[in-house]
Amino acid sequence: AVVFGDIDLEEHGLWEEKVCNNAGLKLSLPLWKNERRELVTEFISLGFKAIIVTINEKMLNPKFLGRVLSMSLLEELEQQGVDLCGENGEFHTAVLDGPIFQRPVTPKIGEVQTHQGYSFLTLTV
């Protein structure tokens, strides 16, 4: 089986279904059609730690790079009109800790790089 974290973007779901069918694999979409705010709130409440590592500059200010997902950050993102899960490509995160981790990942935060309208936070471990 292949597990994807997409929530409700139909074109993603169709592509994932096609790829899995072609490979003879079972598709699993455990987050599919769940409410986005509930998903990210549960993620934070369970003790996961994720930081924003990529920003689409057309949709979100690069000042959000390196910020840890938190309830207060969710409020700021909502004020910016941003999808709280980044499902429209506004941002991407790296998960650094949580209840399923044996120990936290503690990367060294490096330089911000930009490329074709995106800002990336460099992490090294």
PDB file of N, CA and C in Angstrom:
ATOM      1  N   ALA A   1       0.849  -1.194   0.000  1.00  0.00           N
ATOM      2  CA  ALA A   1       0.000   0.000   0.000  1.00  0.00           C
ATOM      3  C   ALA A   1       0.883   1.242   0.000  1.00  0.00           C
ATOM      4  N   VAL A   2       0.337   2.308  -0.512  1.00  0.00           N
ATOM      5  CA  VAL A   2       1.007   3.603  -0.505  1.00  0.00           C
ATOM      6  C   VAL A   2       0.079   4.579   0.228  1.00  0.00           C
ATOM      7  N   VAL A   3       0.639   5.321   1.181  1.00  0.00           N
ATOM      8  CA  VAL A   3      -0.141   6.273   1.962  1.00  0.00           C
ATOM      9  C   VAL A   3       0.217   7.685   1.526  1.00  0.00           C
ATOM     10  N   PHE A   4      -0.797   8.474   1.209  1.00  0.00           N
ATOM     11  CA  PHE A   4      -0.617   9.870   0.832  1.00  0.00           C
ATOM     12  C   PHE A   4      -1.334  10.748   1.848  1.00  0.00           C
ATOM     13  N   GLY A   5      -0.819  11.952   2.060  1.00  0.00           N
ATOM     14  CA  GLY A   5      -1.392  12.872   3.031  1.00  0.00           C
ATOM     15  C   GLY A   5      -2.270  13.942   2.423  1.00  0.00           C
ATOM     16  N   ASP A   6      -2.703  13.757   1.192  1.00  0.00           N
ATOM     17  CA  ASP A   6      -3.576  14.761   0.580  1.00  0.00           C
ATOM     18  C   ASP A   6      -4.924  14.785   1.284  1.00  0.00           C
ATOM     19  N   ILE A   7      -5.562  15.957   1.237  1.00  0.00           N
ATOM     20  CA  ILE A   7      -6.802  16.146   1.967  1.00  0.00           C
ATOM     21  C   ILE A   7      -8.014  16.184   1.042  1.00  0.00           C
ATOM     22  N   ASP A   8      -7.948  16.986  -0.019  1.00  0.00           N
ATOM     23  CA  ASP A   8      -9.142  17.063  -0.857  1.00  0.00           C
ATOM     24  C   ASP A   8      -8.916  17.605  -2.266  1.00  0.00           C
ATOM     25  N   LEU A   9      -7.690  17.679  -2.714  1.00  0.00           N
ATOM     26  CA  LEU A   9      -7.449  18.154  -4.074  1.00  0.00           C
ATOM     27  C   LEU A   9      -7.687  17.003  -5.046  1.00  0.00           C
ATOM     28  N   GLU A  10      -8.799  17.091  -5.763  1.00  0.00           N
ATOM     29  CA  GLU A  10      -9.250  15.993  -6.618  1.00  0.00           C
ATOM     30  C   GLU A  10      -8.174  15.535  -7.606  1.00  0.00           C
ATOM     31  N   GLU A  11      -7.471  16.502  -8.227  1.00  0.00           N
ATOM     32  CA  GLU A  11      -6.459  16.110  -9.217  1.00  0.00           C
ATOM     33  C   GLU A  11      -5.332  15.302  -8.583  1.00  0.00           C
ATOM     34  N   HIS A  12      -5.002  15.591  -7.338  1.00  0.00           N
ATOM     35  CA  HIS A  12      -3.983  14.804  -6.630  1.00  0.00           C
ATOM     36  C   HIS A  12      -4.487  13.399  -6.366  1.00  0.00           C
ATOM     37  N   GLY A  13      -5.726  13.306  -5.872  1.00  0.00           N
ATOM     38  CA  GLY A  13      -6.307  12.005  -5.586  1.00  0.00           C
ATOM     39  C   GLY A  13      -6.405  11.130  -6.830  1.00  0.00           C
ATOM     40  N   LEU A  14      -6.793  11.737  -7.944  1.00  0.00           N
ATOM     41  CA  LEU A  14      -6.892  10.986  -9.195  1.00  0.00           C
ATOM     42  C   LEU A  14      -5.521  10.504  -9.656  1.00  0.00           C
ATOM     43  N   TRP A  15      -4.504  11.369  -9.550  1.00  0.00           N
ATOM     44  CA  TRP A  15      -3.148  10.980  -9.938  1.00  0.00           C
ATOM     45  C   TRP A  15      -2.642   9.843  -9.056  1.00  0.00           C
ATOM     46  N   GLU A  16      -2.849   9.969  -7.752  1.00  0.00           N
ATOM     47  CA  GLU A  16      -2.393   8.938  -6.821  1.00  0.00           C
ATOM     48  C   GLU A  16      -3.082   7.600  -7.099  1.00  0.00           C
ATOM     49  N   GLU A  17      -4.367   7.666  -7.385  1.00  0.00           N
ATOM     50  CA  GLU A  17      -5.114   6.451  -7.712  1.00  0.00           C
ATOM     51  C   GLU A  17      -4.564   5.800  -8.980  1.00  0.00           C
ATOM     52  N   LYS A  18      -4.296   6.617  -9.991  1.00  0.00           N
ATOM     53  CA  LYS A  18      -3.757   6.112 -11.253  1.00  0.00           C
ATOM     54  C   LYS A  18      -2.397   5.449 -11.050  1.00  0.00           C
ATOM     55  N   VAL A  19      -1.512   6.123 -10.332  1.00  0.00           N
ATOM     56  CA  VAL A  19      -0.169   5.601 -10.092  1.00  0.00           C
ATOM     57  C   VAL A  19      -0.230   4.280  -9.321  1.00  0.00           C
ATOM     58  N   CYS A  20      -1.042   4.251  -8.283  1.00  0.00           N
ATOM     59  CA  CYS A  20      -1.151   3.019  -7.485  1.00  0.00           C
ATOM     60  C   CYS A  20      -1.755   1.880  -8.302  1.00  0.00           C
ATOM     61  N   ASN A  21      -2.800   2.165  -9.077  1.00  0.00           N
ATOM     62  CA  ASN A  21      -3.404   1.133  -9.917  1.00  0.00           C
ATOM     63  C   ASN A  21      -2.396   0.582 -10.919  1.00  0.00           C
ATOM     64  N   ASN A  22      -1.632   1.474 -11.550  1.00  0.00           N
ATOM     65  CA  ASN A  22      -0.630   1.046 -12.535  1.00  0.00           C
ATOM     66  C   ASN A  22       0.467   0.192 -11.904  1.00  0.00           C
ATOM     67  N   ALA A  23       0.758   0.449 -10.621  1.00  0.00           N
ATOM     68  CA  ALA A  23       1.811  -0.300  -9.935  1.00  0.00           C
ATOM     69  C   ALA A  23       1.265  -1.516  -9.181  1.00  0.00           C
ATOM     70  N   GLY A  24      -0.048  -1.688  -9.203  1.00  0.00           N
ATOM     71  CA  GLY A  24      -0.644  -2.813  -8.486  1.00  0.00           C
ATOM     72  C   GLY A  24      -0.601  -2.658  -6.982  1.00  0.00           C
ATOM     73  N   LEU A  25      -0.623  -1.410  -6.531  1.00  0.00           N
ATOM     74  CA  LEU A  25      -0.554  -1.124  -5.095  1.00  0.00           C
ATOM     75  C   LEU A  25      -1.884  -0.581  -4.591  1.00  0.00           C
ATOM     76  N   LYS A  26      -2.151  -0.822  -3.332  1.00  0.00           N
ATOM     77  CA  LYS A  26      -3.348  -0.304  -2.694  1.00  0.00           C
ATOM     78  C   LYS A  26      -3.107   1.158  -2.305  1.00  0.00           C
ATOM     79  N   LEU A  27      -4.099   2.006  -2.532  1.00  0.00           N
ATOM     80  CA  LEU A  27      -4.023   3.428  -2.196  1.00  0.00           C
ATOM     81  C   LEU A  27      -4.668   3.667  -0.836  1.00  0.00           C
ATOM     82  N   SER A  28      -4.001   4.448   0.005  1.00  0.00           N
ATOM     83  CA  SER A  28      -4.567   4.837   1.297  1.00  0.00           C
ATOM     84  C   SER A  28      -4.482   6.355   1.424  1.00  0.00           C
ATOM     85  N   LEU A  29      -5.625   6.981   1.649  1.00  0.00           N
ATOM     86  CA  LEU A  29      -5.715   8.430   1.842  1.00  0.00           C
ATOM     87  C   LEU A  29      -6.410   8.696   3.189  1.00  0.00           C
ATOM     88  N   PRO A  30      -5.703   8.524   4.300  1.00  0.00           N
ATOM     89  CA  PRO A  30      -6.357   8.606   5.615  1.00  0.00           C
ATOM     90  C   PRO A  30      -6.882   9.996   5.985  1.00  0.00           C
ATOM     91  N   LEU A  31      -6.394  11.037   5.336  1.00  0.00           N
ATOM     92  CA  LEU A  31      -6.847  12.392   5.661  1.00  0.00           C
ATOM     93  C   LEU A  31      -7.943  12.886   4.718  1.00  0.00           C
ATOM     94  N   TRP A  32      -8.250  12.103   3.706  1.00  0.00           N
ATOM     95  CA  TRP A  32      -9.127  12.521   2.613  1.00  0.00           C
ATOM     96  C   TRP A  32     -10.485  12.999   3.121  1.00  0.00           C
ATOM     97  N   LYS A  33     -10.832  14.212   2.711  1.00  0.00           N
ATOM     98  CA  LYS A  33     -12.115  14.866   2.983  1.00  0.00           C
ATOM     99  C   LYS A  33     -12.321  15.238   4.450  1.00  0.00           C
ATOM    100  N   ASN A  34     -11.265  15.225   5.249  1.00  0.00           N
ATOM    101  CA  ASN A  34     -11.363  15.705   6.623  1.00  0.00           C
ATOM    102  C   ASN A  34     -11.226  17.227   6.633  1.00  0.00           C
ATOM    103  N   GLU A  35     -11.755  17.850   7.657  1.00  0.00           N
ATOM    104  CA  GLU A  35     -11.700  19.302   7.776  1.00  0.00           C
ATOM    105  C   GLU A  35     -10.271  19.715   8.127  1.00  0.00           C
ATOM    106  N   ARG A  36      -9.755  20.669   7.374  1.00  0.00           N
ATOM    107  CA  ARG A  36      -8.341  21.038   7.476  1.00  0.00           C
ATOM    108  C   ARG A  36      -7.959  21.593   8.840  1.00  0.00           C
ATOM    109  N   ARG A  37      -8.754  22.492   9.375  1.00  0.00           N
ATOM    110  CA  ARG A  37      -8.408  23.080  10.683  1.00  0.00           C
ATOM    111  C   ARG A  37      -8.370  21.991  11.755  1.00  0.00           C
ATOM    112  N   GLU A  38      -9.310  21.066  11.706  1.00  0.00           N
ATOM    113  CA  GLU A  38      -9.318  19.970  12.681  1.00  0.00           C
ATOM    114  C   GLU A  38      -8.064  19.111  12.551  1.00  0.00           C
ATOM    115  N   LEU A  39      -7.641  18.845  11.321  1.00  0.00           N
ATOM    116  CA  LEU A  39      -6.445  18.022  11.112  1.00  0.00           C
ATOM    117  C   LEU A  39      -5.200  18.672  11.698  1.00  0.00           C
ATOM    118  N   VAL A  40      -4.974  19.942  11.382  1.00  0.00           N
ATOM    119  CA  VAL A  40      -3.752  20.598  11.851  1.00  0.00           C
ATOM    120  C   VAL A  40      -3.817  20.856  13.359  1.00  0.00           C
ATOM    121  N   THR A  41      -4.997  21.116  13.887  1.00  0.00           N
ATOM    122  CA  THR A  41      -5.152  21.295  15.332  1.00  0.00           C
ATOM    123  C   THR A  41      -4.844  19.994  16.061  1.00  0.00           C
ATOM    124  N   GLU A  42      -5.331  18.871  15.538  1.00  0.00           N
ATOM    125  CA  GLU A  42      -5.035  17.574  16.147  1.00  0.00           C
ATOM    126  C   GLU A  42      -3.537  17.276  16.077  1.00  0.00           C
ATOM    127  N   PHE A  43      -2.922  17.572  14.948  1.00  0.00           N
ATOM    128  CA  PHE A  43      -1.489  17.366  14.751  1.00  0.00           C
ATOM    129  C   PHE A  43      -0.694  18.093  15.840  1.00  0.00           C
ATOM    130  N   ILE A  44      -1.031  19.359  16.069  1.00  0.00           N
ATOM    131  CA  ILE A  44      -0.346  20.160  17.086  1.00  0.00           C
ATOM    132  C   ILE A  44      -0.650  19.624  18.484  1.00  0.00           C
ATOM    133  N   SER A  45      -1.917  19.308  18.740  1.00  0.00           N
ATOM    134  CA  SER A  45      -2.338  18.830  20.060  1.00  0.00           C
ATOM    135  C   SER A  45      -1.682  17.502  20.434  1.00  0.00           C
ATOM    136  N   LEU A  46      -1.393  16.675  19.447  1.00  0.00           N
ATOM    137  CA  LEU A  46      -0.750  15.395  19.711  1.00  0.00           C
ATOM    138  C   LEU A  46       0.735  15.534  20.048  1.00  0.00           C
ATOM    139  N   GLY A  47       1.279  16.749  19.863  1.00  0.00           N
ATOM    140  CA  GLY A  47       2.671  16.986  20.235  1.00  0.00           C
ATOM    141  C   GLY A  47       3.654  16.936  19.085  1.00  0.00           C
ATOM    142  N   PHE A  48       3.166  16.944  17.863  1.00  0.00           N
ATOM    143  CA  PHE A  48       4.089  16.999  16.728  1.00  0.00           C
ATOM    144  C   PHE A  48       4.652  18.403  16.603  1.00  0.00           C
ATOM    145  N   LYS A  49       5.887  18.485  16.139  1.00  0.00           N
ATOM    146  CA  LYS A  49       6.541  19.773  15.918  1.00  0.00           C
ATOM    147  C   LYS A  49       6.977  19.829  14.453  1.00  0.00           C
ATOM    148  N   ALA A  50       6.456  20.818  13.758  1.00  0.00           N
ATOM    149  CA  ALA A  50       6.807  21.005  12.347  1.00  0.00           C
ATOM    150  C   ALA A  50       7.145  22.474  12.123  1.00  0.00           C
ATOM    151  N   ILE A  51       8.138  22.711  11.278  1.00  0.00           N
ATOM    152  CA  ILE A  51       8.498  24.089  10.951  1.00  0.00           C
ATOM    153  C   ILE A  51       8.285  24.325   9.458  1.00  0.00           C
ATOM    154  N   ILE A  52       7.968  25.553   9.134  1.00  0.00           N
ATOM    155  CA  ILE A  52       7.769  25.929   7.734  1.00  0.00           C
ATOM    156  C   ILE A  52       9.140  26.054   7.076  1.00  0.00           C
ATOM    157  N   VAL A  53       9.329  25.300   5.980  1.00  0.00           N
ATOM    158  CA  VAL A  53      10.624  25.279   5.299  1.00  0.00           C
ATOM    159  C   VAL A  53      10.570  25.788   3.862  1.00  0.00           C
ATOM    160  N   THR A  54       9.383  25.903   3.298  1.00  0.00           N
ATOM    161  CA  THR A  54       9.234  26.406   1.934  1.00  0.00           C
ATOM    162  C   THR A  54       8.027  27.331   1.878  1.00  0.00           C
ATOM    163  N   ILE A  55       8.184  28.429   1.176  1.00  0.00           N
ATOM    164  CA  ILE A  55       7.120  29.422   1.020  1.00  0.00           C
ATOM    165  C   ILE A  55       6.955  29.738  -0.462  1.00  0.00           C
ATOM    166  N   ASN A  56       5.712  29.756  -0.927  1.00  0.00           N
ATOM    167  CA  ASN A  56       5.397  30.294  -2.244  1.00  0.00           C
ATOM    168  C   ASN A  56       5.217  31.796  -2.030  1.00  0.00           C
ATOM    169  N   GLU A  57       6.130  32.592  -2.538  1.00  0.00           N
ATOM    170  CA  GLU A  57       6.141  34.026  -2.261  1.00  0.00           C
ATOM    171  C   GLU A  57       4.930  34.759  -2.826  1.00  0.00           C
ATOM    172  N   LYS A  58       4.233  34.160  -3.783  1.00  0.00           N
ATOM    173  CA  LYS A  58       3.004  34.778  -4.311  1.00  0.00           C
ATOM    174  C   LYS A  58       1.858  34.654  -3.314  1.00  0.00           C
ATOM    175  N   MET A  59       1.986  33.707  -2.374  1.00  0.00           N
ATOM    176  CA  MET A  59       0.879  33.418  -1.469  1.00  0.00           C
ATOM    177  C   MET A  59       1.168  33.741  -0.014  1.00  0.00           C
ATOM    178  N   LEU A  60       2.451  33.830   0.347  1.00  0.00           N
ATOM    179  CA  LEU A  60       2.805  34.021   1.752  1.00  0.00           C
ATOM    180  C   LEU A  60       4.161  34.695   1.857  1.00  0.00           C
ATOM    181  N   ASN A  61       4.295  35.563   2.836  1.00  0.00           N
ATOM    182  CA  ASN A  61       5.536  36.281   3.074  1.00  0.00           C
ATOM    183  C   ASN A  61       6.614  35.328   3.597  1.00  0.00           C
ATOM    184  N   PRO A  62       7.846  35.424   3.054  1.00  0.00           N
ATOM    185  CA  PRO A  62       8.942  34.570   3.528  1.00  0.00           C
ATOM    186  C   PRO A  62       9.282  34.733   5.001  1.00  0.00           C
ATOM    187  N   LYS A  63       8.762  35.754   5.671  1.00  0.00           N
ATOM    188  CA  LYS A  63       9.009  35.919   7.110  1.00  0.00           C
ATOM    189  C   LYS A  63       8.476  34.734   7.917  1.00  0.00           C
ATOM    190  N   PHE A  64       7.619  33.921   7.304  1.00  0.00           N
ATOM    191  CA  PHE A  64       7.072  32.751   7.993  1.00  0.00           C
ATOM    192  C   PHE A  64       8.018  31.552   7.963  1.00  0.00           C
ATOM    193  N   LEU A  65       9.087  31.628   7.185  1.00  0.00           N
ATOM    194  CA  LEU A  65      10.063  30.529   7.162  1.00  0.00           C
ATOM    195  C   LEU A  65      10.646  30.301   8.546  1.00  0.00           C
ATOM    196  N   GLY A  66      10.765  29.034   8.932  1.00  0.00           N
ATOM    197  CA  GLY A  66      11.349  28.691  10.219  1.00  0.00           C
ATOM    198  C   GLY A  66      10.388  28.748  11.383  1.00  0.00           C
ATOM    199  N   ARG A  67       9.157  29.182  11.142  1.00  0.00           N
ATOM    200  CA  ARG A  67       8.167  29.254  12.216  1.00  0.00           C
ATOM    201  C   ARG A  67       7.621  27.865  12.514  1.00  0.00           C
ATOM    202  N   VAL A  68       7.444  27.575  13.784  1.00  0.00           N
ATOM    203  CA  VAL A  68       6.896  26.294  14.235  1.00  0.00           C
ATOM    204  C   VAL A  68       5.368  26.373  14.205  1.00  0.00           C
ATOM    205  N   LEU A  69       4.745  25.329  13.660  1.00  0.00           N
ATOM    206  CA  LEU A  69       3.285  25.291  13.671  1.00  0.00           C
ATOM    207  C   LEU A  69       2.789  25.332  15.110  1.00  0.00           C
ATOM    208  N   SER A  70       1.888  26.252  15.376  1.00  0.00           N
ATOM    209  CA  SER A  70       1.302  26.412  16.709  1.00  0.00           C
ATOM    210  C   SER A  70      -0.079  27.011  16.516  1.00  0.00           C
ATOM    211  N   MET A  71      -0.862  27.030  17.570  1.00  0.00           N
ATOM    212  CA  MET A  71      -2.198  27.609  17.469  1.00  0.00           C
ATOM    213  C   MET A  71      -2.113  29.100  17.127  1.00  0.00           C
ATOM    214  N   SER A  72      -1.140  29.803  17.687  1.00  0.00           N
ATOM    215  CA  SER A  72      -1.015  31.228  17.376  1.00  0.00           C
ATOM    216  C   SER A  72      -0.586  31.433  15.921  1.00  0.00           C
ATOM    217  N   LEU A  73       0.270  30.552  15.399  1.00  0.00           N
ATOM    218  CA  LEU A  73       0.656  30.659  13.996  1.00  0.00           C
ATOM    219  C   LEU A  73      -0.539  30.379  13.091  1.00  0.00           C
ATOM    220  N   LEU A  74      -1.385  29.442  13.482  1.00  0.00           N
ATOM    221  CA  LEU A  74      -2.584  29.169  12.687  1.00  0.00           C
ATOM    222  C   LEU A  74      -3.447  30.420  12.563  1.00  0.00           C
ATOM    223  N   GLU A  75      -3.566  31.168  13.657  1.00  0.00           N
ATOM    224  CA  GLU A  75      -4.342  32.411  13.620  1.00  0.00           C
ATOM    225  C   GLU A  75      -3.726  33.404  12.633  1.00  0.00           C
ATOM    226  N   GLU A  76      -2.406  33.517  12.652  1.00  0.00           N
ATOM    227  CA  GLU A  76      -1.723  34.423  11.716  1.00  0.00           C
ATOM    228  C   GLU A  76      -1.936  33.983  10.274  1.00  0.00           C
ATOM    229  N   LEU A  77      -1.843  32.685  10.030  1.00  0.00           N
ATOM    230  CA  LEU A  77      -2.040  32.172   8.675  1.00  0.00           C
ATOM    231  C   LEU A  77      -3.461  32.426   8.203  1.00  0.00           C
ATOM    232  N   GLU A  78      -4.423  32.245   9.080  1.00  0.00           N
ATOM    233  CA  GLU A  78      -5.815  32.528   8.721  1.00  0.00           C
ATOM    234  C   GLU A  78      -5.994  33.993   8.355  1.00  0.00           C
ATOM    235  N   GLN A  79      -5.338  34.886   9.103  1.00  0.00           N
ATOM    236  CA  GLN A  79      -5.427  36.315   8.811  1.00  0.00           C
ATOM    237  C   GLN A  79      -4.835  36.642   7.437  1.00  0.00           C
ATOM    238  N   GLN A  80      -3.876  35.827   6.995  1.00  0.00           N
ATOM    239  CA  GLN A  80      -3.254  36.012   5.687  1.00  0.00           C
ATOM    240  C   GLN A  80      -4.078  35.370   4.571  1.00  0.00           C
ATOM    241  N   GLY A  81      -5.143  34.662   4.936  1.00  0.00           N
ATOM    242  CA  GLY A  81      -5.975  33.988   3.949  1.00  0.00           C
ATOM    243  C   GLY A  81      -5.343  32.716   3.405  1.00  0.00           C
ATOM    244  N   VAL A  82      -4.466  32.129   4.199  1.00  0.00           N
ATOM    245  CA  VAL A  82      -3.706  30.961   3.776  1.00  0.00           C
ATOM    246  C   VAL A  82      -4.377  29.687   4.273  1.00  0.00           C
ATOM    247  N   ASP A  83      -4.364  28.651   3.458  1.00  0.00           N
ATOM    248  CA  ASP A  83      -4.853  27.351   3.884  1.00  0.00           C
ATOM    249  C   ASP A  83      -3.982  26.858   5.027  1.00  0.00           C
ATOM    250  N   LEU A  84      -4.582  26.444   6.121  1.00  0.00           N
ATOM    251  CA  LEU A  84      -3.834  26.063   7.322  1.00  0.00           C
ATOM    252  C   LEU A  84      -2.973  24.825   7.141  1.00  0.00           C
ATOM    253  N   CYS A  85      -3.267  24.030   6.141  1.00  0.00           N
ATOM    254  CA  CYS A  85      -2.458  22.847   5.857  1.00  0.00           C
ATOM    255  C   CYS A  85      -1.530  23.064   4.665  1.00  0.00           C
ATOM    256  N   GLY A  86      -1.574  24.251   4.084  1.00  0.00           N
ATOM    257  CA  GLY A  86      -0.734  24.531   2.918  1.00  0.00           C
ATOM    258  C   GLY A  86      -1.147  23.737   1.693  1.00  0.00           C
ATOM    259  N   GLU A  87      -2.392  23.295   1.642  1.00  0.00           N
ATOM    260  CA  GLU A  87      -2.850  22.416   0.571  1.00  0.00           C
ATOM    261  C   GLU A  87      -2.870  23.069  -0.803  1.00  0.00           C
ATOM    262  N   ASN A  88      -2.849  24.379  -0.851  1.00  0.00           N
ATOM    263  CA  ASN A  88      -2.846  25.066  -2.142  1.00  0.00           C
ATOM    264  C   ASN A  88      -1.444  25.487  -2.557  1.00  0.00           C
ATOM    265  N   GLY A  89      -0.440  24.919  -1.889  1.00  0.00           N
ATOM    266  CA  GLY A  89       0.942  25.198  -2.243  1.00  0.00           C
ATOM    267  C   GLY A  89       1.535  26.425  -1.583  1.00  0.00           C
ATOM    268  N   GLU A  90       0.863  26.972  -0.573  1.00  0.00           N
ATOM    269  CA  GLU A  90       1.363  28.171   0.087  1.00  0.00           C
ATOM    270  C   GLU A  90       2.676  27.921   0.817  1.00  0.00           C
ATOM    271  N   PHE A  91       2.777  26.753   1.471  1.00  0.00           N
ATOM    272  CA  PHE A  91       3.973  26.439   2.247  1.00  0.00           C
ATOM    273  C   PHE A  91       4.114  24.934   2.382  1.00  0.00           C
ATOM    274  N   HIS A  92       5.329  24.523   2.759  1.00  0.00           N
ATOM    275  CA  HIS A  92       5.618  23.127   3.095  1.00  0.00           C
ATOM    276  C   HIS A  92       6.335  23.122   4.434  1.00  0.00           C
ATOM    277  N   THR A  93       6.199  22.018   5.162  1.00  0.00           N
ATOM    278  CA  THR A  93       6.819  21.906   6.473  1.00  0.00           C
ATOM    279  C   THR A  93       7.754  20.706   6.533  1.00  0.00           C
ATOM    280  N   ALA A  94       8.587  20.702   7.552  1.00  0.00           N
ATOM    281  CA  ALA A  94       9.386  19.533   7.923  1.00  0.00           C
ATOM    282  C   ALA A  94       8.984  19.184   9.350  1.00  0.00           C
ATOM    283  N   VAL A  95       8.650  17.919   9.576  1.00  0.00           N
ATOM    284  CA  VAL A  95       8.267  17.470  10.913  1.00  0.00           C
ATOM    285  C   VAL A  95       9.536  17.050  11.641  1.00  0.00           C
ATOM    286  N   LEU A  96       9.762  17.658  12.801  1.00  0.00           N
ATOM    287  CA  LEU A  96      11.002  17.449  13.546  1.00  0.00           C
ATOM    288  C   LEU A  96      10.841  16.649  14.825  1.00  0.00           C
ATOM    289  N   ASP A  97       9.612  16.525  15.299  1.00  0.00           N
ATOM    290  CA  ASP A  97       9.404  15.792  16.547  1.00  0.00           C
ATOM    291  C   ASP A  97       7.936  15.413  16.665  1.00  0.00           C
ATOM    292  N   GLY A  98       7.689  14.437  17.507  1.00  0.00           N
ATOM    293  CA  GLY A  98       6.324  14.006  17.751  1.00  0.00           C
ATOM    294  C   GLY A  98       6.305  12.715  18.527  1.00  0.00           C
ATOM    295  N   PRO A  99       5.113  12.274  18.900  1.00  0.00           N
ATOM    296  CA  PRO A  99       4.988  11.089  19.746  1.00  0.00           C
ATOM    297  C   PRO A  99       5.494   9.796  19.101  1.00  0.00           C
ATOM    298  N   ILE A 100       5.650   9.762  17.801  1.00  0.00           N
ATOM    299  CA  ILE A 100       6.150   8.547  17.146  1.00  0.00           C
ATOM    300  C   ILE A 100       7.658   8.601  16.906  1.00  0.00           C
ATOM    301  N   PHE A 101       8.306   9.700  17.276  1.00  0.00           N
ATOM    302  CA  PHE A 101       9.748   9.850  17.110  1.00  0.00           C
ATOM    303  C   PHE A 101      10.470   9.247  18.313  1.00  0.00           C
ATOM    304  N   GLN A 102      11.591   8.569  18.076  1.00  0.00           N
ATOM    305  CA  GLN A 102      12.422   8.104  19.191  1.00  0.00           C
ATOM    306  C   GLN A 102      13.139   9.267  19.849  1.00  0.00           C
ATOM    307  N   ARG A 103      13.506  10.257  19.049  1.00  0.00           N
ATOM    308  CA  ARG A 103      14.124  11.480  19.555  1.00  0.00           C
ATOM    309  C   ARG A 103      13.889  12.583  18.522  1.00  0.00           C
ATOM    310  N   PRO A 104      13.899  13.832  18.952  1.00  0.00           N
ATOM    311  CA  PRO A 104      13.662  14.930  18.009  1.00  0.00           C
ATOM    312  C   PRO A 104      14.788  15.038  16.979  1.00  0.00           C
ATOM    313  N   VAL A 105      14.433  15.509  15.816  1.00  0.00           N
ATOM    314  CA  VAL A 105      15.423  15.878  14.810  1.00  0.00           C
ATOM    315  C   VAL A 105      15.789  17.326  15.116  1.00  0.00           C
ATOM    316  N   THR A 106      17.080  17.593  15.275  1.00  0.00           N
ATOM    317  CA  THR A 106      17.518  18.953  15.614  1.00  0.00           C
ATOM    318  C   THR A 106      18.462  19.460  14.529  1.00  0.00           C
ATOM    319  N   PRO A 107      17.891  19.974  13.462  1.00  0.00           N
ATOM    320  CA  PRO A 107      18.726  20.428  12.354  1.00  0.00           C
ATOM    321  C   PRO A 107      19.382  21.771  12.645  1.00  0.00           C
ATOM    322  N   LYS A 108      20.456  21.999  11.933  1.00  0.00           N
ATOM    323  CA  LYS A 108      21.079  23.322  11.930  1.00  0.00           C
ATOM    324  C   LYS A 108      20.349  24.113  10.846  1.00  0.00           C
ATOM    325  N   ILE A 109      19.851  25.270  11.225  1.00  0.00           N
ATOM    326  CA  ILE A 109      19.132  26.100  10.273  1.00  0.00           C
ATOM    327  C   ILE A 109      20.125  26.961   9.529  1.00  0.00           C
ATOM    328  N   GLY A 110      20.068  26.851   8.210  1.00  0.00           N
ATOM    329  CA  GLY A 110      21.016  27.552   7.364  1.00  0.00           C
ATOM    330  C   GLY A 110      20.407  28.756   6.675  1.00  0.00           C
ATOM    331  N   GLU A 111      20.949  29.038   5.527  1.00  0.00           N
ATOM    332  CA  GLU A 111      20.556  30.203   4.740  1.00  0.00           C
ATOM    333  C   GLU A 111      19.191  30.003   4.084  1.00  0.00           C
ATOM    334  N   VAL A 112      18.535  31.118   3.793  1.00  0.00           N
ATOM    335  CA  VAL A 112      17.318  31.102   2.992  1.00  0.00           C
ATOM    336  C   VAL A 112      17.737  31.225   1.535  1.00  0.00           C
ATOM    337  N   GLN A 113      17.216  30.345   0.716  1.00  0.00           N
ATOM    338  CA  GLN A 113      17.485  30.390  -0.716  1.00  0.00           C
ATOM    339  C   GLN A 113      16.185  30.700  -1.435  1.00  0.00           C
ATOM    340  N   THR A 114      16.283  31.382  -2.556  1.00  0.00           N
ATOM    341  CA  THR A 114      15.102  31.684  -3.360  1.00  0.00           C
ATOM    342  C   THR A 114      15.314  31.156  -4.767  1.00  0.00           C
ATOM    343  N   HIS A 115      14.209  30.705  -5.351  1.00  0.00           N
ATOM    344  CA  HIS A 115      14.265  30.174  -6.707  1.00  0.00           C
ATOM    345  C   HIS A 115      12.855  30.214  -7.304  1.00  0.00           C
ATOM    346  N   GLN A 116      12.714  30.928  -8.396  1.00  0.00           N
ATOM    347  CA  GLN A 116      11.468  30.992  -9.166  1.00  0.00           C
ATOM    348  C   GLN A 116      10.235  31.258  -8.303  1.00  0.00           C
ATOM    349  N   GLY A 117      10.328  32.247  -7.440  1.00  0.00           N
ATOM    350  CA  GLY A 117       9.182  32.655  -6.639  1.00  0.00           C
ATOM    351  C   GLY A 117       8.967  31.869  -5.357  1.00  0.00           C
ATOM    352  N   TYR A 118       9.928  31.039  -4.993  1.00  0.00           N
ATOM    353  CA  TYR A 118       9.838  30.260  -3.766  1.00  0.00           C
ATOM    354  C   TYR A 118      11.026  30.584  -2.882  1.00  0.00           C
ATOM    355  N   SER A 119      10.797  30.572  -1.581  1.00  0.00           N
ATOM    356  CA  SER A 119      11.871  30.709  -0.594  1.00  0.00           C
ATOM    357  C   SER A 119      11.985  29.387   0.154  1.00  0.00           C
ATOM    358  N   PHE A 120      13.233  28.936   0.344  1.00  0.00           N
ATOM    359  CA  PHE A 120      13.520  27.660   0.989  1.00  0.00           C
ATOM    360  C   PHE A 120      14.446  27.891   2.171  1.00  0.00           C
ATOM    361  N   LEU A 121      14.138  27.275   3.286  1.00  0.00           N
ATOM    362  CA  LEU A 121      14.999  27.317   4.455  1.00  0.00           C
ATOM    363  C   LEU A 121      15.875  26.083   4.419  1.00  0.00           C
ATOM    364  N   THR A 122      17.180  26.282   4.429  1.00  0.00           N
ATOM    365  CA  THR A 122      18.111  25.157   4.371  1.00  0.00           C
ATOM    366  C   THR A 122      18.260  24.548   5.762  1.00  0.00           C
ATOM    367  N   LEU A 123      18.060  23.238   5.833  1.00  0.00           N
ATOM    368  CA  LEU A 123      18.258  22.497   7.081  1.00  0.00           C
ATOM    369  C   LEU A 123      19.319  21.433   6.857  1.00  0.00           C
ATOM    370  N   THR A 124      20.205  21.273   7.839  1.00  0.00           N
ATOM    371  CA  THR A 124      21.188  20.177   7.774  1.00  0.00           C
ATOM    372  C   THR A 124      21.182  19.464   9.125  1.00  0.00           C
ATOM    373  N   VAL A 125      21.374  18.150   9.071  1.00  0.00           N
ATOM    374  CA  VAL A 125      21.417  17.369  10.306  1.00  0.00           C
ATOM    375  C   VAL A 125      22.760  16.698  10.440  1.00  0.00           C
TER     376      VAL A 125
END
